[in-house]
Amino acid sequence: MLKSIVHEIIGTPRREPELPQSLEQFRDRKRVLIIYADAQDDRAVIQDEWLRNAHMRLIEEDVEVFIIAGGGAFSLFDDGSDLDADDVRERLQGPPSGEFGLILIGRDGTVKLRSDEPRTAEDIFAAFEMLPKQTPW
């Protein structure tokens, strides 16, 4: 009883998501930017344009960009890597299907940035400098 009251008052700590198996290939090598997009959402179009304008910088910073839409995962710059879109959405606690979202994962496997709005390339590059969360996955 006391235990449940304490959890009610202070809340239960949020469990960190597990890194999907299909993203393990990038750990310690590259950063990964996942964009959850819906064809009916203008935010995805805006984000796509901003990322394409920063294409060379993304390559220089070793960032792989994937778009998850329509049940599939597609590399923005034709990397050819295979991702399990459903597993990535579930394990990274991405937005529901049809919603826009953005998740940046650092080389260490921690989430550096999570947003439900488009982010400029400068915002994304600034997130590289953030300290990792205490519990890497």
Protein backbone atom coordinates (compact mmCIF):
# COMPACT_ATOMS: atom_id res chain seq x y z
CA MET A 1 0.00 0.00 0.00
CA LEU A 2 2.74 2.46 0.99
CA LYS A 3 4.69 1.52 -2.12
CA SER A 4 1.71 2.30 -4.39
CA ILE A 5 1.14 5.66 -2.63
CA VAL A 6 4.79 6.62 -3.13
CA HIS A 7 4.57 5.71 -6.84
CA GLU A 8 1.35 7.74 -7.07
CA ILE A 9 3.00 10.79 -5.51
CA ILE A 10 6.41 10.77 -7.18
CA GLY A 11 5.44 8.88 -10.30
CA THR A 12 7.03 5.88 -11.92
CA PRO A 13 10.32 6.54 -13.69
CA ARG A 14 10.01 6.41 -17.45
CA ARG A 15 11.66 3.35 -18.98
CA GLU A 16 14.23 4.18 -21.61
CA PRO A 17 13.47 2.67 -25.02
CA GLU A 18 15.62 -0.17 -26.30
CA LEU A 19 17.63 0.36 -29.46
CA PRO A 20 15.99 -1.63 -32.27
CA GLN A 21 18.17 -4.45 -33.61
CA SER A 22 18.16 -2.91 -37.10
CA LEU A 23 19.80 0.25 -35.69
CA GLU A 24 22.58 -1.61 -33.85
CA GLN A 25 24.63 -1.57 -37.07
CA PHE A 26 25.15 2.19 -36.58
CA ARG A 27 26.19 2.16 -32.88
CA ASP A 28 29.62 3.75 -32.34
CA ARG A 29 29.82 4.58 -36.05
CA LYS A 30 27.06 6.97 -37.08
CA ARG A 31 24.28 9.14 -35.79
CA VAL A 32 20.78 8.24 -36.93
CA LEU A 33 17.94 10.65 -37.59
CA ILE A 34 14.51 9.05 -37.83
CA ILE A 35 11.68 11.08 -39.35
CA TYR A 36 8.15 9.77 -38.88
CA ALA A 37 6.19 11.19 -41.79
CA ASP A 38 2.65 11.11 -43.13
CA ALA A 39 1.95 12.08 -46.74
CA GLN A 40 -0.89 14.33 -45.55
CA ASP A 41 1.31 16.30 -43.13
CA ASP A 42 3.13 19.45 -44.32
CA ARG A 43 5.64 19.16 -41.46
CA ALA A 44 7.26 16.18 -43.19
CA VAL A 45 7.67 18.17 -46.42
CA ILE A 46 9.25 21.07 -44.53
CA GLN A 47 11.62 18.74 -42.67
CA ASP A 48 12.59 16.96 -45.89
CA GLU A 49 13.47 20.27 -47.56
CA TRP A 50 15.58 21.44 -44.61
CA LEU A 51 17.47 18.15 -44.52
CA ARG A 52 18.10 18.08 -48.26
CA ASN A 53 19.54 21.60 -48.03
CA ALA A 54 21.97 20.30 -45.36
CA HIS A 55 22.81 17.09 -47.24
CA MET A 56 26.59 17.61 -47.38
CA ARG A 57 26.83 18.59 -43.72
CA LEU A 58 24.82 15.51 -42.71
CA ILE A 59 27.31 13.36 -44.63
CA GLU A 60 30.28 15.14 -42.99
CA GLU A 61 28.75 14.61 -39.53
CA ASP A 62 28.08 10.89 -40.25
CA VAL A 63 24.30 11.15 -39.97
CA GLU A 64 22.06 8.51 -41.55
CA VAL A 65 18.54 9.80 -42.19
CA PHE A 66 15.55 7.48 -42.43
CA ILE A 67 11.93 8.31 -43.19
CA ILE A 68 9.30 6.02 -41.71
CA ALA A 69 6.02 6.26 -43.59
CA GLY A 70 3.36 3.91 -44.85
CA GLY A 71 4.73 0.97 -42.86
CA GLY A 72 8.17 1.18 -44.47
CA ALA A 73 11.54 2.72 -43.66
CA PHE A 74 13.40 4.55 -46.42
CA SER A 75 16.84 6.11 -46.44
CA LEU A 76 16.63 9.79 -47.36
CA PHE A 77 19.96 9.65 -49.18
CA ASP A 78 19.77 6.08 -50.55
CA ASP A 79 22.04 4.35 -48.05
CA GLY A 80 20.47 0.98 -48.75
CA SER A 81 20.26 -0.08 -45.08
CA ASP A 82 17.25 -2.14 -44.09
CA LEU A 83 15.21 -1.08 -41.07
CA ASP A 84 12.16 -2.70 -39.57
CA ALA A 85 9.80 0.30 -39.48
CA ASP A 86 7.35 -1.21 -36.99
CA ASP A 87 10.13 -2.29 -34.61
CA VAL A 88 11.79 1.14 -34.81
CA ARG A 89 8.49 2.93 -34.11
CA GLU A 90 7.65 0.63 -31.19
CA ARG A 91 11.05 0.45 -29.48
CA LEU A 92 11.86 4.15 -29.85
CA GLN A 93 8.36 5.03 -28.68
CA GLY A 94 7.73 6.98 -31.86
CA PRO A 95 4.49 8.81 -32.62
CA PRO A 96 1.39 6.92 -33.71
CA SER A 97 1.12 6.08 -37.39
CA GLY A 98 0.04 9.16 -39.34
CA GLU A 99 1.74 11.60 -36.92
CA PHE A 100 4.93 13.57 -37.55
CA GLY A 101 7.92 13.01 -35.30
CA LEU A 102 11.69 13.25 -35.27
CA ILE A 103 14.20 11.31 -33.18
CA LEU A 104 17.97 11.83 -33.29
CA ILE A 105 20.09 9.00 -31.92
CA GLY A 106 23.74 9.60 -31.06
CA ARG A 107 26.62 7.28 -31.82
CA ASP A 108 26.35 5.97 -28.26
CA GLY A 109 22.75 4.86 -28.83
CA THR A 110 21.11 7.56 -26.71
CA VAL A 111 18.30 9.81 -27.85
CA LYS A 112 19.75 13.30 -28.34
CA LEU A 113 16.63 14.99 -29.68
CA ARG A 114 12.94 14.16 -29.85
CA SER A 115 10.42 16.51 -31.47
CA ASP A 116 6.93 16.58 -32.91
CA GLU A 117 7.78 19.65 -35.00
CA PRO A 118 10.31 20.09 -37.85
CA ARG A 119 13.79 21.08 -36.70
CA THR A 120 16.33 23.12 -38.61
CA ALA A 121 19.68 21.60 -39.47
CA GLU A 122 21.23 23.94 -36.89
CA ASP A 123 18.94 22.52 -34.17
CA ILE A 124 19.90 19.00 -35.15
CA PHE A 125 23.64 19.72 -35.22
CA ALA A 126 23.40 21.52 -31.87
CA ALA A 127 21.84 18.38 -30.36
CA PHE A 128 25.08 16.48 -31.12
CA GLU A 129 26.76 18.49 -28.38
CA MET A 130 24.19 17.63 -25.72
CA LEU A 131 25.30 15.38 -22.89
CA PRO A 132 23.99 11.82 -23.20
CA LYS A 133 21.22 10.67 -20.90
CA GLN A 134 22.40 8.78 -17.83
CA THR A 135 21.06 5.45 -19.05
CA PRO A 136 22.28 4.61 -22.56
CA TRP A 137 20.47 1.77 -24.34
